[in-house]
Amino acid sequence: MNTDNLIAHARARFDHVAARRVLKEKYQAKMLFAHAGGMWRAGPELLVLLATVPPGDAVILDLYDTPVQVNPEQLRLLVMGRWQEQMTAWLVEHEQLNKQR
C-alpha cells in the first residue's frame, strides 16, 4: 500500500468517525421534549425512574433539576414513544452511514 492510499484510508476513517459523532449529537438533541412545564430527555434513565414511581401524580426533577408534578404513566408513554421513534430513525441513518464506508 502506498502513502497516498494510506492517507486516503485515514481520511475516510476520520470522516466516518466524525459523521457518527454528528449523527449521535443529532439524535441526542431530538430526545429532548417539553411536558407539564418541564424539559425531559427521553432515555433509559427516565424510563427506569418513571417505572419506580408509584401510581398517581408524582413530583420528579426535570432535565434542569426543576421539580415538576407529573402523571408518571402519561409521561412514561411519551418518553417511550419518543425514545423508540428516534432510536429507529437513528438506526436507519447509522446503517446508511455504514454502507457508505
N, C-alpha and C. Protein backbone atom coordinates (compact mmCIF):
# COMPACT_ATOMS: atom_id res chain seq x y z
N MET A 1 0.85 -1.17 0.00
CA MET A 1 0.00 0.00 0.00
C MET A 1 0.90 1.24 0.00
N ASN A 2 0.64 2.16 -0.90
CA ASN A 2 1.48 3.35 -0.95
C ASN A 2 0.96 4.42 0.00
N THR A 3 1.71 5.48 0.11
CA THR A 3 1.39 6.55 1.05
C THR A 3 0.06 7.22 0.73
N ASP A 4 -0.23 7.43 -0.54
CA ASP A 4 -1.49 8.06 -0.92
C ASP A 4 -2.69 7.23 -0.50
N ASN A 5 -2.58 5.93 -0.65
CA ASN A 5 -3.67 5.05 -0.22
C ASN A 5 -3.85 5.08 1.29
N LEU A 6 -2.75 5.11 2.01
CA LEU A 6 -2.82 5.19 3.48
C LEU A 6 -3.47 6.49 3.93
N ILE A 7 -3.10 7.59 3.29
CA ILE A 7 -3.68 8.89 3.63
C ILE A 7 -5.18 8.90 3.31
N ALA A 8 -5.55 8.38 2.15
CA ALA A 8 -6.96 8.33 1.77
C ALA A 8 -7.76 7.48 2.76
N HIS A 9 -7.19 6.35 3.16
CA HIS A 9 -7.86 5.47 4.13
C HIS A 9 -8.02 6.16 5.48
N ALA A 10 -6.99 6.83 5.93
CA ALA A 10 -7.05 7.54 7.21
C ALA A 10 -8.09 8.65 7.17
N ARG A 11 -8.15 9.39 6.08
CA ARG A 11 -9.15 10.46 5.95
C ARG A 11 -10.56 9.89 5.93
N ALA A 12 -10.76 8.82 5.21
CA ALA A 12 -12.09 8.20 5.15
C ALA A 12 -12.51 7.71 6.53
N ARG A 13 -11.58 7.12 7.26
CA ARG A 13 -11.88 6.64 8.61
C ARG A 13 -12.21 7.80 9.53
N PHE A 14 -11.45 8.90 9.44
CA PHE A 14 -11.72 10.07 10.27
C PHE A 14 -13.07 10.65 9.92
N ASP A 15 -13.40 10.74 8.63
CA ASP A 15 -14.70 11.27 8.20
C ASP A 15 -15.84 10.41 8.73
N HIS A 16 -15.66 9.09 8.74
CA HIS A 16 -16.69 8.19 9.24
C HIS A 16 -16.91 8.38 10.74
N VAL A 17 -15.84 8.50 11.48
CA VAL A 17 -15.95 8.71 12.93
C VAL A 17 -16.63 10.06 13.22
N ALA A 18 -16.26 11.08 12.48
CA ALA A 18 -16.89 12.40 12.66
C ALA A 18 -18.37 12.35 12.30
N ALA A 19 -18.71 11.64 11.24
CA ALA A 19 -20.12 11.53 10.82
C ALA A 19 -20.93 10.78 11.88
N ARG A 20 -20.35 9.75 12.48
CA ARG A 20 -21.05 9.03 13.55
C ARG A 20 -21.28 9.92 14.77
N ARG A 21 -20.29 10.74 15.09
CA ARG A 21 -20.42 11.66 16.23
C ARG A 21 -21.52 12.68 15.96
N VAL A 22 -21.56 13.23 14.76
CA VAL A 22 -22.59 14.20 14.39
C VAL A 22 -23.97 13.55 14.44
N LEU A 23 -24.06 12.32 13.97
CA LEU A 23 -25.32 11.60 13.99
C LEU A 23 -25.80 11.38 15.43
N LYS A 24 -24.89 11.02 16.31
CA LYS A 24 -25.25 10.83 17.72
C LYS A 24 -25.75 12.13 18.34
N GLU A 25 -25.05 13.22 18.09
CA GLU A 25 -25.46 14.52 18.63
C GLU A 25 -26.82 14.93 18.09
N LYS A 26 -27.07 14.65 16.82
CA LYS A 26 -28.36 14.98 16.20
C LYS A 26 -29.50 14.28 16.92
N TYR A 27 -29.34 12.99 17.17
CA TYR A 27 -30.42 12.24 17.80
C TYR A 27 -30.50 12.46 19.31
N GLN A 28 -29.41 12.81 19.94
CA GLN A 28 -29.48 13.17 21.35
C GLN A 28 -30.32 14.44 21.52
N ALA A 29 -30.16 15.38 20.60
CA ALA A 29 -30.96 16.61 20.65
C ALA A 29 -32.43 16.34 20.41
N LYS A 30 -32.73 15.36 19.56
CA LYS A 30 -34.13 15.03 19.26
C LYS A 30 -34.81 14.29 20.41
N MET A 31 -34.06 13.85 21.40
CA MET A 31 -34.64 13.17 22.55
C MET A 31 -35.24 14.17 23.55
N LEU A 32 -34.97 15.44 23.39
CA LEU A 32 -35.48 16.47 24.30
C LEU A 32 -36.91 16.83 23.94
N PHE A 33 -37.74 17.02 24.97
CA PHE A 33 -39.11 17.47 24.75
C PHE A 33 -39.65 18.11 26.02
N ALA A 34 -40.69 18.92 25.85
CA ALA A 34 -41.32 19.60 26.97
C ALA A 34 -42.63 18.89 27.31
N HIS A 35 -42.92 18.82 28.62
CA HIS A 35 -44.18 18.22 29.08
C HIS A 35 -44.44 18.70 30.49
N ALA A 36 -45.66 19.11 30.75
CA ALA A 36 -46.12 19.51 32.09
C ALA A 36 -45.25 20.61 32.70
N GLY A 37 -44.74 21.48 31.88
CA GLY A 37 -43.93 22.59 32.38
C GLY A 37 -42.49 22.25 32.66
N GLY A 38 -42.05 21.08 32.24
CA GLY A 38 -40.66 20.66 32.44
C GLY A 38 -40.03 20.24 31.13
N MET A 39 -38.70 20.17 31.13
CA MET A 39 -37.96 19.68 29.97
C MET A 39 -37.42 18.30 30.32
N TRP A 40 -37.59 17.37 29.38
CA TRP A 40 -37.23 15.98 29.63
C TRP A 40 -36.37 15.46 28.50
N ARG A 41 -35.52 14.49 28.81
CA ARG A 41 -34.73 13.79 27.80
C ARG A 41 -35.17 12.34 27.81
N ALA A 42 -35.73 11.90 26.70
CA ALA A 42 -36.16 10.50 26.60
C ALA A 42 -34.93 9.60 26.67
N GLY A 43 -35.03 8.58 27.47
CA GLY A 43 -33.92 7.65 27.59
C GLY A 43 -34.17 6.63 28.68
N PRO A 44 -33.29 5.66 28.77
CA PRO A 44 -33.46 4.59 29.75
C PRO A 44 -33.51 5.09 31.20
N GLU A 45 -32.74 6.12 31.51
CA GLU A 45 -32.71 6.62 32.89
C GLU A 45 -34.08 7.12 33.31
N LEU A 46 -34.71 7.92 32.46
CA LEU A 46 -36.02 8.46 32.79
C LEU A 46 -37.07 7.35 32.82
N LEU A 47 -36.97 6.41 31.92
CA LEU A 47 -37.92 5.29 31.91
C LEU A 47 -37.83 4.47 33.20
N VAL A 48 -36.63 4.23 33.68
CA VAL A 48 -36.46 3.48 34.93
C VAL A 48 -37.03 4.27 36.10
N LEU A 49 -36.76 5.57 36.14
CA LEU A 49 -37.30 6.41 37.21
C LEU A 49 -38.82 6.36 37.21
N LEU A 50 -39.41 6.51 36.03
CA LEU A 50 -40.87 6.51 35.94
C LEU A 50 -41.47 5.15 36.31
N ALA A 51 -40.74 4.09 36.07
CA ALA A 51 -41.23 2.75 36.42
C ALA A 51 -41.24 2.54 37.93
N THR A 52 -40.41 3.28 38.66
CA THR A 52 -40.32 3.10 40.11
C THR A 52 -41.25 4.02 40.89
N VAL A 53 -41.81 5.02 40.22
CA VAL A 53 -42.70 5.97 40.90
C VAL A 53 -44.07 5.31 41.08
N PRO A 54 -44.66 5.43 42.29
CA PRO A 54 -45.98 4.82 42.50
C PRO A 54 -47.04 5.49 41.61
N PRO A 55 -48.15 4.78 41.35
CA PRO A 55 -49.23 5.34 40.52
C PRO A 55 -49.78 6.64 41.12
N GLY A 56 -50.33 7.47 40.26
CA GLY A 56 -50.85 8.77 40.69
C GLY A 56 -49.82 9.84 40.42
N ASP A 57 -50.23 11.09 40.67
CA ASP A 57 -49.31 12.20 40.42
C ASP A 57 -48.08 12.12 41.31
N ALA A 58 -46.95 12.51 40.75
CA ALA A 58 -45.69 12.49 41.48
C ALA A 58 -44.89 13.73 41.11
N VAL A 59 -44.00 14.11 41.97
CA VAL A 59 -43.10 15.23 41.71
C VAL A 59 -41.71 14.65 41.45
N ILE A 60 -41.19 14.94 40.26
CA ILE A 60 -39.84 14.49 39.91
C ILE A 60 -39.08 15.66 39.32
N LEU A 61 -37.76 15.54 39.29
CA LEU A 61 -36.91 16.60 38.75
C LEU A 61 -36.78 16.44 37.25
N ASP A 62 -36.91 17.57 36.55
CA ASP A 62 -36.74 17.53 35.10
C ASP A 62 -35.26 17.66 34.74
N LEU A 63 -34.99 17.88 33.47
CA LEU A 63 -33.62 17.95 32.97
C LEU A 63 -32.80 19.06 33.64
N TYR A 64 -33.47 20.13 34.05
CA TYR A 64 -32.79 21.27 34.65
C TYR A 64 -32.94 21.28 36.17
N ASP A 65 -33.23 20.12 36.76
CA ASP A 65 -33.39 19.96 38.21
C ASP A 65 -34.48 20.84 38.80
N THR A 66 -35.54 21.02 38.03
CA THR A 66 -36.71 21.74 38.49
C THR A 66 -37.77 20.72 38.88
N PRO A 67 -38.30 20.81 40.10
CA PRO A 67 -39.35 19.85 40.48
C PRO A 67 -40.64 20.12 39.69
N VAL A 68 -41.17 19.05 39.10
CA VAL A 68 -42.37 19.16 38.27
C VAL A 68 -43.34 18.06 38.68
N GLN A 69 -44.61 18.43 38.85
CA GLN A 69 -45.63 17.44 39.16
C GLN A 69 -46.14 16.85 37.85
N VAL A 70 -46.07 15.54 37.74
CA VAL A 70 -46.46 14.85 36.51
C VAL A 70 -47.28 13.60 36.84
N ASN A 71 -47.97 13.12 35.82
CA ASN A 71 -48.58 11.81 35.89
C ASN A 71 -47.53 10.85 35.32
N PRO A 72 -46.93 10.00 36.14
CA PRO A 72 -45.83 9.16 35.68
C PRO A 72 -46.18 8.25 34.50
N GLU A 73 -47.40 7.70 34.50
CA GLU A 73 -47.77 6.79 33.41
C GLU A 73 -47.89 7.55 32.08
N GLN A 74 -48.47 8.73 32.12
CA GLN A 74 -48.60 9.55 30.91
C GLN A 74 -47.22 9.95 30.39
N LEU A 75 -46.36 10.40 31.29
CA LEU A 75 -45.01 10.79 30.89
C LEU A 75 -44.22 9.59 30.37
N ARG A 76 -44.39 8.42 30.99
CA ARG A 76 -43.70 7.21 30.54
C ARG A 76 -44.08 6.86 29.11
N LEU A 77 -45.36 6.98 28.79
CA LEU A 77 -45.82 6.69 27.42
C LEU A 77 -45.20 7.67 26.42
N LEU A 78 -45.12 8.94 26.79
CA LEU A 78 -44.49 9.93 25.91
C LEU A 78 -43.00 9.63 25.73
N VAL A 79 -42.32 9.31 26.82
CA VAL A 79 -40.89 9.02 26.76
C VAL A 79 -40.63 7.79 25.90
N MET A 80 -41.40 6.74 26.11
CA MET A 80 -41.20 5.50 25.35
C MET A 80 -41.45 5.74 23.87
N GLY A 81 -42.49 6.49 23.55
CA GLY A 81 -42.78 6.80 22.15
C GLY A 81 -41.66 7.60 21.50
N ARG A 82 -41.19 8.63 22.19
CA ARG A 82 -40.11 9.46 21.65
C ARG A 82 -38.83 8.64 21.51
N TRP A 83 -38.52 7.85 22.53
CA TRP A 83 -37.30 7.03 22.53
C TRP A 83 -37.30 6.06 21.35
N GLN A 84 -38.38 5.31 21.17
CA GLN A 84 -38.44 4.32 20.10
C GLN A 84 -38.41 4.98 18.72
N GLU A 85 -39.13 6.07 18.58
CA GLU A 85 -39.16 6.78 17.29
C GLU A 85 -37.78 7.26 16.89
N GLN A 86 -37.07 7.90 17.81
CA GLN A 86 -35.76 8.45 17.50
C GLN A 86 -34.69 7.37 17.36
N MET A 87 -34.77 6.33 18.18
CA MET A 87 -33.78 5.26 18.07
C MET A 87 -33.93 4.51 16.74
N THR A 88 -35.17 4.33 16.28
CA THR A 88 -35.40 3.67 14.99
C THR A 88 -34.84 4.52 13.86
N ALA A 89 -35.10 5.83 13.89
CA ALA A 89 -34.57 6.72 12.86
C ALA A 89 -33.05 6.76 12.90
N TRP A 90 -32.48 6.76 14.11
CA TRP A 90 -31.02 6.77 14.27
C TRP A 90 -30.42 5.49 13.67
N LEU A 91 -31.06 4.35 13.93
CA LEU A 91 -30.57 3.09 13.39
C LEU A 91 -30.56 3.11 11.86
N VAL A 92 -31.62 3.63 11.26
CA VAL A 92 -31.70 3.68 9.80
C VAL A 92 -30.55 4.52 9.24
N GLU A 93 -30.33 5.71 9.83
CA GLU A 93 -29.25 6.57 9.35
C GLU A 93 -27.88 5.95 9.61
N HIS A 94 -27.73 5.27 10.75
CA HIS A 94 -26.46 4.63 11.08
C HIS A 94 -26.14 3.53 10.08
N GLU A 95 -27.14 2.74 9.71
CA GLU A 95 -26.91 1.67 8.73
C GLU A 95 -26.57 2.25 7.36
N GLN A 96 -27.20 3.36 6.99
CA GLN A 96 -26.86 4.02 5.72
C GLN A 96 -25.43 4.53 5.74
N LEU A 97 -25.03 5.08 6.87
CA LEU A 97 -23.67 5.58 7.02
C LEU A 97 -22.65 4.44 6.90
N ASN A 98 -22.96 3.31 7.50
CA ASN A 98 -22.05 2.17 7.42
C ASN A 98 -21.95 1.61 6.02
N LYS A 99 -23.00 1.70 5.23
CA LYS A 99 -22.98 1.23 3.85
C LYS A 99 -22.10 2.11 2.97
N GLN A 100 -21.93 3.39 3.37
CA GLN A 100 -21.13 4.33 2.57
C GLN A 100 -19.65 4.10 2.76
N ARG A 101 -19.26 3.39 3.79
CA ARG A 101 -17.83 3.15 4.06
C ARG A 101 -17.16 2.40 3.00
